[in-house]
């Protein structure tokens, strides 16, 4: 997607909620991966 235009199947598109910029939304998927991983790890308090 590092292009000025890209054809994408409609099923892969997700509308942005009001107040979320496209710049913020570009990291939505990697942020979800990170949050999911931390959630799966359990409590990280006091851990390396």
ModelCIF file with pLDDT and N, C-alpha, C, O atoms, coordinates in Angstrom:
data_MODEL
#
_entry.id   MODEL 
#
_entity.id                         1 
_entity.type                       polymer 
_entity.pdbx_number_of_molecules   1 
#
_entity_poly.entity_id                      1 
_entity_poly.type                           'polypeptide(L)' 
_entity_poly.nstd_linkage                   no 
_entity_poly.nstd_monomer                   no 
_entity_poly.pdbx_seq_one_letter_code       
;(UNK)(UNK)(UNK)(UNK)(UNK)(UNK)(UNK)(UNK)(UNK)(UNK)(UNK)(UNK)(UNK)(UNK)(UNK)(UNK)
(UNK)(UNK)(UNK)(UNK)(UNK)(UNK)(UNK)(UNK)(UNK)(UNK)(UNK)(UNK)(UNK)(UNK)(UNK)(UNK)
(UNK)(UNK)(UNK)(UNK)(UNK)(UNK)(UNK)(UNK)(UNK)(UNK)(UNK)(UNK)(UNK)(UNK)(UNK)(UNK)
;
_entity_poly.pdbx_seq_one_letter_code_can   XXXXXXXXXXXXXXXXXXXXXXXXXXXXXXXXXXXXXXXXXXXXXXXX 
_entity_poly.pdbx_strand_id                 A 
#
loop_
_entity_poly_seq.entity_id 
_entity_poly_seq.num 
_entity_poly_seq.mon_id 
_entity_poly_seq.hetero 
1 1  UNK n 
1 2  UNK n 
1 3  UNK n 
1 4  UNK n 
1 5  UNK n 
1 6  UNK n 
1 7  UNK n 
1 8  UNK n 
1 9  UNK n 
1 10 UNK n 
1 11 UNK n 
1 12 UNK n 
1 13 UNK n 
1 14 UNK n 
1 15 UNK n 
1 16 UNK n 
1 17 UNK n 
1 18 UNK n 
1 19 UNK n 
1 20 UNK n 
1 21 UNK n 
1 22 UNK n 
1 23 UNK n 
1 24 UNK n 
1 25 UNK n 
1 26 UNK n 
1 27 UNK n 
1 28 UNK n 
1 29 UNK n 
1 30 UNK n 
1 31 UNK n 
1 32 UNK n 
1 33 UNK n 
1 34 UNK n 
1 35 UNK n 
1 36 UNK n 
1 37 UNK n 
1 38 UNK n 
1 39 UNK n 
1 40 UNK n 
1 41 UNK n 
1 42 UNK n 
1 43 UNK n 
1 44 UNK n 
1 45 UNK n 
1 46 UNK n 
1 47 UNK n 
1 48 UNK n 
#
_struct_asym.id          A 
_struct_asym.entity_id   1 
#
loop_
_ma_qa_metric.id 
_ma_qa_metric.mode 
_ma_qa_metric.name 
_ma_qa_metric.software_group_id 
_ma_qa_metric.type 
1 global pLDDT . pLDDT 
2 local  pLDDT . pLDDT 
#
_ma_qa_metric_global.metric_id      1 
_ma_qa_metric_global.metric_value   90.81 
_ma_qa_metric_global.model_id       1 
_ma_qa_metric_global.ordinal_id     1 
#
loop_
_ma_qa_metric_local.label_asym_id 
_ma_qa_metric_local.label_comp_id 
_ma_qa_metric_local.label_seq_id 
_ma_qa_metric_local.metric_id 
_ma_qa_metric_local.metric_value 
_ma_qa_metric_local.model_id 
_ma_qa_metric_local.ordinal_id 
A UNK 1  2 89.00 1 1  
A UNK 2  2 90.00 1 2  
A UNK 3  2 90.00 1 3  
A UNK 4  2 90.00 1 4  
A UNK 5  2 92.00 1 5  
A UNK 6  2 92.00 1 6  
A UNK 7  2 92.00 1 7  
A UNK 8  2 91.00 1 8  
A UNK 9  2 91.00 1 9  
A UNK 10 2 93.00 1 10 
A UNK 11 2 90.00 1 11 
A UNK 12 2 91.00 1 12 
A UNK 13 2 93.00 1 13 
A UNK 14 2 93.00 1 14 
A UNK 15 2 94.00 1 15 
A UNK 16 2 95.00 1 16 
A UNK 17 2 94.00 1 17 
A UNK 18 2 93.00 1 18 
A UNK 19 2 94.00 1 19 
A UNK 20 2 95.00 1 20 
A UNK 21 2 96.00 1 21 
A UNK 22 2 94.00 1 22 
A UNK 23 2 92.00 1 23 
A UNK 24 2 93.00 1 24 
A UNK 25 2 93.00 1 25 
A UNK 26 2 89.00 1 26 
A UNK 27 2 87.00 1 27 
A UNK 28 2 86.00 1 28 
A UNK 29 2 85.00 1 29 
A UNK 30 2 87.00 1 30 
A UNK 31 2 89.00 1 31 
A UNK 32 2 88.00 1 32 
A UNK 33 2 89.00 1 33 
A UNK 34 2 92.00 1 34 
A UNK 35 2 91.00 1 35 
A UNK 36 2 90.00 1 36 
A UNK 37 2 92.00 1 37 
A UNK 38 2 92.00 1 38 
A UNK 39 2 90.00 1 39 
A UNK 40 2 91.00 1 40 
A UNK 41 2 91.00 1 41 
A UNK 42 2 88.00 1 42 
A UNK 43 2 87.00 1 43 
A UNK 44 2 89.00 1 44 
A UNK 45 2 86.00 1 45 
A UNK 46 2 88.00 1 46 
A UNK 47 2 90.00 1 47 
A UNK 48 2 92.00 1 48 
#
loop_
_atom_site.group_PDB 
_atom_site.id 
_atom_site.type_symbol 
_atom_site.label_atom_id 
_atom_site.label_alt_id 
_atom_site.label_comp_id 
_atom_site.label_asym_id 
_atom_site.label_entity_id 
_atom_site.label_seq_id 
_atom_site.pdbx_PDB_ins_code 
_atom_site.Cartn_x 
_atom_site.Cartn_y 
_atom_site.Cartn_z 
_atom_site.occupancy 
_atom_site.B_iso_or_equiv 
_atom_site.pdbx_formal_charge 
_atom_site.auth_seq_id 
_atom_site.auth_comp_id 
_atom_site.auth_asym_id 
_atom_site.auth_atom_id 
_atom_site.pdbx_PDB_model_num 
ATOM 1   N N  . UNK A 1 1  ? 0.797   -1.218  0.000  1.00 89.00 ? 1  UNK A N  1 
ATOM 2   C CA . UNK A 1 1  ? 0.000   0.000   0.000  1.00 89.00 ? 1  UNK A CA 1 
ATOM 3   C C  . UNK A 1 1  ? 0.835   1.275   0.000  1.00 89.00 ? 1  UNK A C  1 
ATOM 4   O O  . UNK A 1 1  ? 0.284   2.370   0.114  1.00 89.00 ? 1  UNK A O  1 
ATOM 5   N N  . UNK A 1 2  ? 2.145   1.152   -0.125 1.00 90.00 ? 2  UNK A N  1 
ATOM 6   C CA . UNK A 1 2  ? 2.997   2.342   -0.133 1.00 90.00 ? 2  UNK A CA 1 
ATOM 7   C C  . UNK A 1 2  ? 2.970   2.942   -1.535 1.00 90.00 ? 2  UNK A C  1 
ATOM 8   O O  . UNK A 1 2  ? 3.965   2.941   -2.260 1.00 90.00 ? 2  UNK A O  1 
ATOM 9   N N  . UNK A 1 3  ? 1.804   3.449   -1.884 1.00 90.00 ? 3  UNK A N  1 
ATOM 10  C CA . UNK A 1 3  ? 1.567   3.986   -3.224 1.00 90.00 ? 3  UNK A CA 1 
ATOM 11  C C  . UNK A 1 3  ? 0.563   5.128   -3.112 1.00 90.00 ? 3  UNK A C  1 
ATOM 12  O O  . UNK A 1 3  ? -0.155  5.237   -2.118 1.00 90.00 ? 3  UNK A O  1 
ATOM 13  N N  . UNK A 1 4  ? 0.518   5.962   -4.117 1.00 90.00 ? 4  UNK A N  1 
ATOM 14  C CA . UNK A 1 4  ? -0.449  7.070   -4.070 1.00 90.00 ? 4  UNK A CA 1 
ATOM 15  C C  . UNK A 1 4  ? -1.868  6.579   -4.334 1.00 90.00 ? 4  UNK A C  1 
ATOM 16  O O  . UNK A 1 4  ? -2.827  7.212   -3.891 1.00 90.00 ? 4  UNK A O  1 
ATOM 17  N N  . UNK A 1 5  ? -2.022  5.459   -5.051 1.00 92.00 ? 5  UNK A N  1 
ATOM 18  C CA . UNK A 1 5  ? -3.335  4.852   -5.312 1.00 92.00 ? 5  UNK A CA 1 
ATOM 19  C C  . UNK A 1 5  ? -3.184  3.346   -5.316 1.00 92.00 ? 5  UNK A C  1 
ATOM 20  O O  . UNK A 1 5  ? -2.163  2.808   -5.746 1.00 92.00 ? 5  UNK A O  1 
ATOM 21  N N  . UNK A 1 6  ? -4.229  2.665   -4.826 1.00 92.00 ? 6  UNK A N  1 
ATOM 22  C CA . UNK A 1 6  ? -4.227  1.210   -4.824 1.00 92.00 ? 6  UNK A CA 1 
ATOM 23  C C  . UNK A 1 6  ? -5.658  0.714   -4.936 1.00 92.00 ? 6  UNK A C  1 
ATOM 24  O O  . UNK A 1 6  ? -6.539  1.168   -4.206 1.00 92.00 ? 6  UNK A O  1 
ATOM 25  N N  . UNK A 1 7  ? -5.885  -0.213  -5.845 1.00 92.00 ? 7  UNK A N  1 
ATOM 26  C CA . UNK A 1 7  ? -7.194  -0.851  -5.956 1.00 92.00 ? 7  UNK A CA 1 
ATOM 27  C C  . UNK A 1 7  ? -7.274  -1.929  -4.873 1.00 92.00 ? 7  UNK A C  1 
ATOM 28  O O  . UNK A 1 7  ? -6.386  -2.775  -4.760 1.00 92.00 ? 7  UNK A O  1 
ATOM 29  N N  . UNK A 1 8  ? -8.345  -1.888  -4.080 1.00 91.00 ? 8  UNK A N  1 
ATOM 30  C CA . UNK A 1 8  ? -8.514  -2.796  -2.945 1.00 91.00 ? 8  UNK A CA 1 
ATOM 31  C C  . UNK A 1 8  ? -9.919  -3.376  -2.999 1.00 91.00 ? 8  UNK A C  1 
ATOM 32  O O  . UNK A 1 8  ? -10.876 -2.637  -3.231 1.00 91.00 ? 8  UNK A O  1 
ATOM 33  N N  . UNK A 1 9  ? -10.066 -4.684  -2.791 1.00 91.00 ? 9  UNK A N  1 
ATOM 34  C CA . UNK A 1 9  ? -11.428 -5.244  -2.725 1.00 91.00 ? 9  UNK A CA 1 
ATOM 35  C C  . UNK A 1 9  ? -12.229 -4.587  -1.602 1.00 91.00 ? 9  UNK A C  1 
ATOM 36  O O  . UNK A 1 9  ? -11.703 -4.354  -0.514 1.00 91.00 ? 9  UNK A O  1 
ATOM 37  N N  . UNK A 1 10 ? -13.472 -4.297  -1.862 1.00 93.00 ? 10 UNK A N  1 
ATOM 38  C CA . UNK A 1 10 ? -14.319 -3.597  -0.894 1.00 93.00 ? 10 UNK A CA 1 
ATOM 39  C C  . UNK A 1 10 ? -14.384 -4.325  0.443  1.00 93.00 ? 10 UNK A C  1 
ATOM 40  O O  . UNK A 1 10 ? -14.510 -3.683  1.486  1.00 93.00 ? 10 UNK A O  1 
ATOM 41  N N  . UNK A 1 11 ? -14.301 -5.643  0.431  1.00 90.00 ? 11 UNK A N  1 
ATOM 42  C CA . UNK A 1 11 ? -14.363 -6.423  1.664  1.00 90.00 ? 11 UNK A CA 1 
ATOM 43  C C  . UNK A 1 11 ? -13.181 -6.199  2.594  1.00 90.00 ? 11 UNK A C  1 
ATOM 44  O O  . UNK A 1 11 ? -13.238 -6.573  3.765  1.00 90.00 ? 11 UNK A O  1 
ATOM 45  N N  . UNK A 1 12 ? -12.122 -5.600  2.094  1.00 91.00 ? 12 UNK A N  1 
ATOM 46  C CA . UNK A 1 12 ? -10.947 -5.326  2.922  1.00 91.00 ? 12 UNK A CA 1 
ATOM 47  C C  . UNK A 1 12 ? -10.943 -3.906  3.479  1.00 91.00 ? 12 UNK A C  1 
ATOM 48  O O  . UNK A 1 12 ? -10.034 -3.530  4.219  1.00 91.00 ? 12 UNK A O  1 
ATOM 49  N N  . UNK A 1 13 ? -11.944 -3.129  3.131  1.00 93.00 ? 13 UNK A N  1 
ATOM 50  C CA . UNK A 1 13 ? -12.013 -1.746  3.599  1.00 93.00 ? 13 UNK A CA 1 
ATOM 51  C C  . UNK A 1 13 ? -12.782 -1.654  4.909  1.00 93.00 ? 13 UNK A C  1 
ATOM 52  O O  . UNK A 1 13 ? -13.767 -2.361  5.117  1.00 93.00 ? 13 UNK A O  1 
ATOM 53  N N  . UNK A 1 14 ? -12.318 -0.773  5.785  1.00 93.00 ? 14 UNK A N  1 
ATOM 54  C CA . UNK A 1 14 ? -13.003 -0.490  7.043  1.00 93.00 ? 14 UNK A CA 1 
ATOM 55  C C  . UNK A 1 14 ? -13.167 1.023   7.143  1.00 93.00 ? 14 UNK A C  1 
ATOM 56  O O  . UNK A 1 14 ? -12.188 1.765   7.058  1.00 93.00 ? 14 UNK A O  1 
ATOM 57  N N  . UNK A 1 15 ? -14.396 1.474   7.321  1.00 94.00 ? 15 UNK A N  1 
ATOM 58  C CA . UNK A 1 15 ? -14.663 2.908   7.475  1.00 94.00 ? 15 UNK A CA 1 
ATOM 59  C C  . UNK A 1 15 ? -13.987 3.420   8.737  1.00 94.00 ? 15 UNK A C  1 
ATOM 60  O O  . UNK A 1 15 ? -13.875 2.705   9.732  1.00 94.00 ? 15 UNK A O  1 
ATOM 61  N N  . UNK A 1 16 ? -13.538 4.668   8.681  1.00 95.00 ? 16 UNK A N  1 
ATOM 62  C CA . UNK A 1 16 ? -12.937 5.280   9.859  1.00 95.00 ? 16 UNK A CA 1 
ATOM 63  C C  . UNK A 1 16 ? -14.006 5.991   10.682 1.00 95.00 ? 16 UNK A C  1 
ATOM 64  O O  . UNK A 1 16 ? -14.872 6.671   10.132 1.00 95.00 ? 16 UNK A O  1 
ATOM 65  N N  . UNK A 1 17 ? -13.940 5.829   11.996 1.00 94.00 ? 17 UNK A N  1 
ATOM 66  C CA . UNK A 1 17 ? -14.869 6.585   12.846 1.00 94.00 ? 17 UNK A CA 1 
ATOM 67  C C  . UNK A 1 17 ? -14.535 8.068   12.798 1.00 94.00 ? 17 UNK A C  1 
ATOM 68  O O  . UNK A 1 17 ? -13.409 8.448   12.480 1.00 94.00 ? 17 UNK A O  1 
ATOM 69  N N  . UNK A 1 18 ? -15.502 8.890   13.110 1.00 93.00 ? 18 UNK A N  1 
ATOM 70  C CA . UNK A 1 18 ? -15.285 10.340  13.162 1.00 93.00 ? 18 UNK A CA 1 
ATOM 71  C C  . UNK A 1 18 ? -14.151 10.623  14.141 1.00 93.00 ? 18 UNK A C  1 
ATOM 72  O O  . UNK A 1 18 ? -14.078 10.027  15.215 1.00 93.00 ? 18 UNK A O  1 
ATOM 73  N N  . UNK A 1 19 ? -13.277 11.531  13.760 1.00 94.00 ? 19 UNK A N  1 
ATOM 74  C CA . UNK A 1 19 ? -12.177 11.919  14.627 1.00 94.00 ? 19 UNK A CA 1 
ATOM 75  C C  . UNK A 1 19 ? -10.902 11.122  14.432 1.00 94.00 ? 19 UNK A C  1 
ATOM 76  O O  . UNK A 1 19 ? -9.866  11.485  14.989 1.00 94.00 ? 19 UNK A O  1 
ATOM 77  N N  . UNK A 1 20 ? -10.946 10.037  13.652 1.00 95.00 ? 20 UNK A N  1 
ATOM 78  C CA . UNK A 1 20 ? -9.747  9.248   13.368 1.00 95.00 ? 20 UNK A CA 1 
ATOM 79  C C  . UNK A 1 20 ? -9.233  9.651   11.996 1.00 95.00 ? 20 UNK A C  1 
ATOM 80  O O  . UNK A 1 20 ? -9.955  9.557   11.003 1.00 95.00 ? 20 UNK A O  1 
ATOM 81  N N  . UNK A 1 21 ? -7.989  10.099  11.942 1.00 96.00 ? 21 UNK A N  1 
ATOM 82  C CA . UNK A 1 21 ? -7.400  10.524  10.670 1.00 96.00 ? 21 UNK A CA 1 
ATOM 83  C C  . UNK A 1 21 ? -6.870  9.323   9.906  1.00 96.00 ? 21 UNK A C  1 
ATOM 84  O O  . UNK A 1 21 ? -6.666  8.256   10.485 1.00 96.00 ? 21 UNK A O  1 
ATOM 85  N N  . UNK A 1 22 ? -6.648  9.489   8.620  1.00 94.00 ? 22 UNK A N  1 
ATOM 86  C CA . UNK A 1 22 ? -6.062  8.402   7.834  1.00 94.00 ? 22 UNK A CA 1 
ATOM 87  C C  . UNK A 1 22 ? -4.636  8.114   8.307  1.00 94.00 ? 22 UNK A C  1 
ATOM 88  O O  . UNK A 1 22 ? -4.174  6.975   8.227  1.00 94.00 ? 22 UNK A O  1 
ATOM 89  N N  . UNK A 1 23 ? -3.953  9.121   8.788  1.00 92.00 ? 23 UNK A N  1 
ATOM 90  C CA . UNK A 1 23 ? -2.595  8.910   9.318  1.00 92.00 ? 23 UNK A CA 1 
ATOM 91  C C  . UNK A 1 23 ? -2.641  8.001   10.547 1.00 92.00 ? 23 UNK A C  1 
ATOM 92  O O  . UNK A 1 23 ? -1.830  7.085   10.678 1.00 92.00 ? 23 UNK A O  1 
ATOM 93  N N  . UNK A 1 24 ? -3.582  8.256   11.437 1.00 93.00 ? 24 UNK A N  1 
ATOM 94  C CA . UNK A 1 24 ? -3.743  7.401   12.608 1.00 93.00 ? 24 UNK A CA 1 
ATOM 95  C C  . UNK A 1 24 ? -4.186  6.003   12.197 1.00 93.00 ? 24 UNK A C  1 
ATOM 96  O O  . UNK A 1 24 ? -3.702  5.008   12.737 1.00 93.00 ? 24 UNK A O  1 
ATOM 97  N N  . UNK A 1 25 ? -5.097  5.929   11.251 1.00 93.00 ? 25 UNK A N  1 
ATOM 98  C CA . UNK A 1 25 ? -5.655  4.650   10.836 1.00 93.00 ? 25 UNK A CA 1 
ATOM 99  C C  . UNK A 1 25 ? -4.631  3.757   10.152 1.00 93.00 ? 25 UNK A C  1 
ATOM 100 O O  . UNK A 1 25 ? -4.784  2.535   10.142 1.00 93.00 ? 25 UNK A O  1 
ATOM 101 N N  . UNK A 1 26 ? -3.596  4.348   9.584  1.00 89.00 ? 26 UNK A N  1 
ATOM 102 C CA . UNK A 1 26 ? -2.577  3.549   8.903  1.00 89.00 ? 26 UNK A CA 1 
ATOM 103 C C  . UNK A 1 26 ? -1.854  2.614   9.875  1.00 89.00 ? 26 UNK A C  1 
ATOM 104 O O  . UNK A 1 26 ? -1.255  1.626   9.449  1.00 89.00 ? 26 UNK A O  1 
ATOM 105 N N  . UNK A 1 27 ? -1.904  2.915   11.167 1.00 87.00 ? 27 UNK A N  1 
ATOM 106 C CA . UNK A 1 27 ? -1.263  2.023   12.143 1.00 87.00 ? 27 UNK A CA 1 
ATOM 107 C C  . UNK A 1 27 ? -2.280  1.204   12.925 1.00 87.00 ? 27 UNK A C  1 
ATOM 108 O O  . UNK A 1 27 ? -1.918  0.561   13.910 1.00 87.00 ? 27 UNK A O  1 
ATOM 109 N N  . UNK A 1 28 ? -3.536  1.210   12.512 1.00 86.00 ? 28 UNK A N  1 
ATOM 110 C CA . UNK A 1 28 ? -4.571  0.462   13.228 1.00 86.00 ? 28 UNK A CA 1 
ATOM 111 C C  . UNK A 1 28 ? -4.257  -1.032  13.274 1.00 86.00 ? 28 UNK A C  1 
ATOM 112 O O  . UNK A 1 28 ? -4.358  -1.645  14.337 1.00 86.00 ? 28 UNK A O  1 
ATOM 113 N N  . UNK A 1 29 ? -3.887  -1.615  12.167 1.00 85.00 ? 29 UNK A N  1 
ATOM 114 C CA . UNK A 1 29 ? -3.627  -3.064  12.123 1.00 85.00 ? 29 UNK A CA 1 
ATOM 115 C C  . UNK A 1 29 ? -2.387  -3.437  12.940 1.00 85.00 ? 29 UNK A C  1 
ATOM 116 O O  . UNK A 1 29 ? -2.472  -4.365  13.744 1.00 85.00 ? 29 UNK A O  1 
ATOM 117 N N  . UNK A 1 30 ? -1.234  -2.763  12.780 1.00 87.00 ? 30 UNK A N  1 
ATOM 118 C CA . UNK A 1 30 ? -0.102  -3.152  13.622 1.00 87.00 ? 30 UNK A CA 1 
ATOM 119 C C  . UNK A 1 30 ? -0.343  -2.859  15.110 1.00 87.00 ? 30 UNK A C  1 
ATOM 120 O O  . UNK A 1 30 ? 0.173   -3.579  15.965 1.00 87.00 ? 30 UNK A O  1 
ATOM 121 N N  . UNK A 1 31 ? -1.112  -1.824  15.428 1.00 89.00 ? 31 UNK A N  1 
ATOM 122 C CA . UNK A 1 31 ? -1.445  -1.556  16.828 1.00 89.00 ? 31 UNK A CA 1 
ATOM 123 C C  . UNK A 1 31 ? -2.314  -2.680  17.383 1.00 89.00 ? 31 UNK A C  1 
ATOM 124 O O  . UNK A 1 31 ? -2.113  -3.111  18.519 1.00 89.00 ? 31 UNK A O  1 
ATOM 125 N N  . UNK A 1 32 ? -3.270  -3.156  16.601 1.00 88.00 ? 32 UNK A N  1 
ATOM 126 C CA . UNK A 1 32 ? -4.114  -4.267  17.039 1.00 88.00 ? 32 UNK A CA 1 
ATOM 127 C C  . UNK A 1 32 ? -3.274  -5.516  17.288 1.00 88.00 ? 32 UNK A C  1 
ATOM 128 O O  . UNK A 1 32 ? -3.515  -6.239  18.254 1.00 88.00 ? 32 UNK A O  1 
ATOM 129 N N  . UNK A 1 33 ? -2.293  -5.775  16.428 1.00 89.00 ? 33 UNK A N  1 
ATOM 130 C CA . UNK A 1 33 ? -1.402  -6.927  16.614 1.00 89.00 ? 33 UNK A CA 1 
ATOM 131 C C  . UNK A 1 33 ? -0.630  -6.781  17.922 1.00 89.00 ? 33 UNK A C  1 
ATOM 132 O O  . UNK A 1 33 ? -0.516  -7.741  18.684 1.00 89.00 ? 33 UNK A O  1 
ATOM 133 N N  . UNK A 1 34 ? -0.098  -5.588  18.187 1.00 92.00 ? 34 UNK A N  1 
ATOM 134 C CA . UNK A 1 34 ? 0.684   -5.344  19.402 1.00 92.00 ? 34 UNK A CA 1 
ATOM 135 C C  . UNK A 1 34 ? -0.177  -5.496  20.655 1.00 92.00 ? 34 UNK A C  1 
ATOM 136 O O  . UNK A 1 34 ? 0.235   -6.140  21.620 1.00 92.00 ? 34 UNK A O  1 
ATOM 137 N N  . UNK A 1 35 ? -1.348  -4.915  20.640 1.00 91.00 ? 35 UNK A N  1 
ATOM 138 C CA . UNK A 1 35 ? -2.232  -5.006  21.809 1.00 91.00 ? 35 UNK A CA 1 
ATOM 139 C C  . UNK A 1 35 ? -2.656  -6.451  22.043 1.00 91.00 ? 35 UNK A C  1 
ATOM 140 O O  . UNK A 1 35 ? -2.714  -6.906  23.185 1.00 91.00 ? 35 UNK A O  1 
ATOM 141 N N  . UNK A 1 36 ? -2.951  -7.169  20.968 1.00 90.00 ? 36 UNK A N  1 
ATOM 142 C CA . UNK A 1 36 ? -3.330  -8.580  21.087 1.00 90.00 ? 36 UNK A CA 1 
ATOM 143 C C  . UNK A 1 36 ? -2.186  -9.397  21.693 1.00 90.00 ? 36 UNK A C  1 
ATOM 144 O O  . UNK A 1 36 ? -2.416  -10.232 22.567 1.00 90.00 ? 36 UNK A O  1 
ATOM 145 N N  . UNK A 1 37 ? -0.964  -9.159  21.234 1.00 92.00 ? 37 UNK A N  1 
ATOM 146 C CA . UNK A 1 37 ? 0.191   -9.905  21.752 1.00 92.00 ? 37 UNK A CA 1 
ATOM 147 C C  . UNK A 1 37 ? 0.394   -9.647  23.237 1.00 92.00 ? 37 UNK A C  1 
ATOM 148 O O  . UNK A 1 37 ? 0.636   -10.576 24.007 1.00 92.00 ? 37 UNK A O  1 
ATOM 149 N N  . UNK A 1 38 ? 0.297   -8.389  23.636 1.00 92.00 ? 38 UNK A N  1 
ATOM 150 C CA . UNK A 1 38 ? 0.469   -8.052  25.055 1.00 92.00 ? 38 UNK A CA 1 
ATOM 151 C C  . UNK A 1 38 ? -0.650  -8.691  25.875 1.00 92.00 ? 38 UNK A C  1 
ATOM 152 O O  . UNK A 1 38 ? -0.405  -9.201  26.969 1.00 92.00 ? 38 UNK A O  1 
ATOM 153 N N  . UNK A 1 39 ? -1.858  -8.667  25.361 1.00 90.00 ? 39 UNK A N  1 
ATOM 154 C CA . UNK A 1 39 ? -2.972  -9.300  26.061 1.00 90.00 ? 39 UNK A CA 1 
ATOM 155 C C  . UNK A 1 39 ? -2.778  -10.793 26.236 1.00 90.00 ? 39 UNK A C  1 
ATOM 156 O O  . UNK A 1 39 ? -3.122  -11.352 27.278 1.00 90.00 ? 39 UNK A O  1 
ATOM 157 N N  . UNK A 1 40 ? -2.229  -11.440 25.221 1.00 91.00 ? 40 UNK A N  1 
ATOM 158 C CA . UNK A 1 40 ? -1.969  -12.888 25.296 1.00 91.00 ? 40 UNK A CA 1 
ATOM 159 C C  . UNK A 1 40 ? -0.855  -13.222 26.271 1.00 91.00 ? 40 UNK A C  1 
ATOM 160 O O  . UNK A 1 40 ? -0.826  -14.318 26.831 1.00 91.00 ? 40 UNK A O  1 
ATOM 161 N N  . UNK A 1 41 ? 0.069   -12.281 26.481 1.00 91.00 ? 41 UNK A N  1 
ATOM 162 C CA . UNK A 1 41 ? 1.212   -12.522 27.366 1.00 91.00 ? 41 UNK A CA 1 
ATOM 163 C C  . UNK A 1 41 ? 0.818   -12.485 28.834 1.00 91.00 ? 41 UNK A C  1 
ATOM 164 O O  . UNK A 1 41 ? 1.556   -12.996 29.677 1.00 91.00 ? 41 UNK A O  1 
ATOM 165 N N  . UNK A 1 42 ? -0.308  -11.904 29.157 1.00 88.00 ? 42 UNK A N  1 
ATOM 166 C CA . UNK A 1 42 ? -0.707  -11.780 30.558 1.00 88.00 ? 42 UNK A CA 1 
ATOM 167 C C  . UNK A 1 42 ? -0.016  -10.586 31.199 1.00 88.00 ? 42 UNK A C  1 
ATOM 168 O O  . UNK A 1 42 ? 0.500   -9.708  30.506 1.00 88.00 ? 42 UNK A O  1 
ATOM 169 N N  . UNK A 1 43 ? -0.010  -10.560 32.506 1.00 87.00 ? 43 UNK A N  1 
ATOM 170 C CA . UNK A 1 43 ? 0.577   -9.427  33.218 1.00 87.00 ? 43 UNK A CA 1 
ATOM 171 C C  . UNK A 1 43 ? 2.075   -9.338  32.948 1.00 87.00 ? 43 UNK A C  1 
ATOM 172 O O  . UNK A 1 43 ? 2.802   -10.323 33.075 1.00 87.00 ? 43 UNK A O  1 
ATOM 173 N N  . UNK A 1 44 ? 2.519   -8.149  32.577 1.00 89.00 ? 44 UNK A N  1 
ATOM 174 C CA . UNK A 1 44 ? 3.944   -7.913  32.327 1.00 89.00 ? 44 UNK A CA 1 
ATOM 175 C C  . UNK A 1 44 ? 4.584   -7.123  33.460 1.00 89.00 ? 44 UNK A C  1 
ATOM 176 O O  . UNK A 1 44 ? 5.769   -6.796  33.401 1.00 89.00 ? 44 UNK A O  1 
ATOM 177 N N  . UNK A 1 45 ? 3.810   -6.819  34.483 1.00 86.00 ? 45 UNK A N  1 
ATOM 178 C CA . UNK A 1 45 ? 4.307   -6.021  35.606 1.00 86.00 ? 45 UNK A CA 1 
ATOM 179 C C  . UNK A 1 45 ? 5.545   -6.680  36.214 1.00 86.00 ? 45 UNK A C  1 
ATOM 180 O O  . UNK A 1 45 ? 5.509   -7.844  36.613 1.00 86.00 ? 45 UNK A O  1 
ATOM 181 N N  . UNK A 1 46 ? 6.631   -5.924  36.279 1.00 88.00 ? 46 UNK A N  1 
ATOM 182 C CA . UNK A 1 46 ? 7.866   -6.411  36.882 1.00 88.00 ? 46 UNK A CA 1 
ATOM 183 C C  . UNK A 1 46 ? 8.650   -7.391  36.039 1.00 88.00 ? 46 UNK A C  1 
ATOM 184 O O  . UNK A 1 46 ? 9.642   -7.947  36.508 1.00 88.00 ? 46 UNK A O  1 
ATOM 185 N N  . UNK A 1 47 ? 8.232   -7.615  34.812 1.00 90.00 ? 47 UNK A N  1 
ATOM 186 C CA . UNK A 1 47 ? 8.909   -8.582  33.941 1.00 90.00 ? 47 UNK A CA 1 
ATOM 187 C C  . UNK A 1 47 ? 9.749   -7.870  32.895 1.00 90.00 ? 47 UNK A C  1 
ATOM 188 O O  . UNK A 1 47 ? 9.436   -6.753  32.483 1.00 90.00 ? 47 UNK A O  1 
ATOM 189 N N  . UNK A 1 48 ? 10.824  -8.532  32.469 1.00 92.00 ? 48 UNK A N  1 
ATOM 190 C CA . UNK A 1 48 ? 11.599  -8.055  31.334 1.00 92.00 ? 48 UNK A CA 1 
ATOM 191 C C  . UNK A 1 48 ? 10.919  -8.556  30.065 1.00 92.00 ? 48 UNK A C  1 
ATOM 192 O O  . UNK A 1 48 ? 11.391  -8.281  28.962 1.00 92.00 ? 48 UNK A O  1 
#
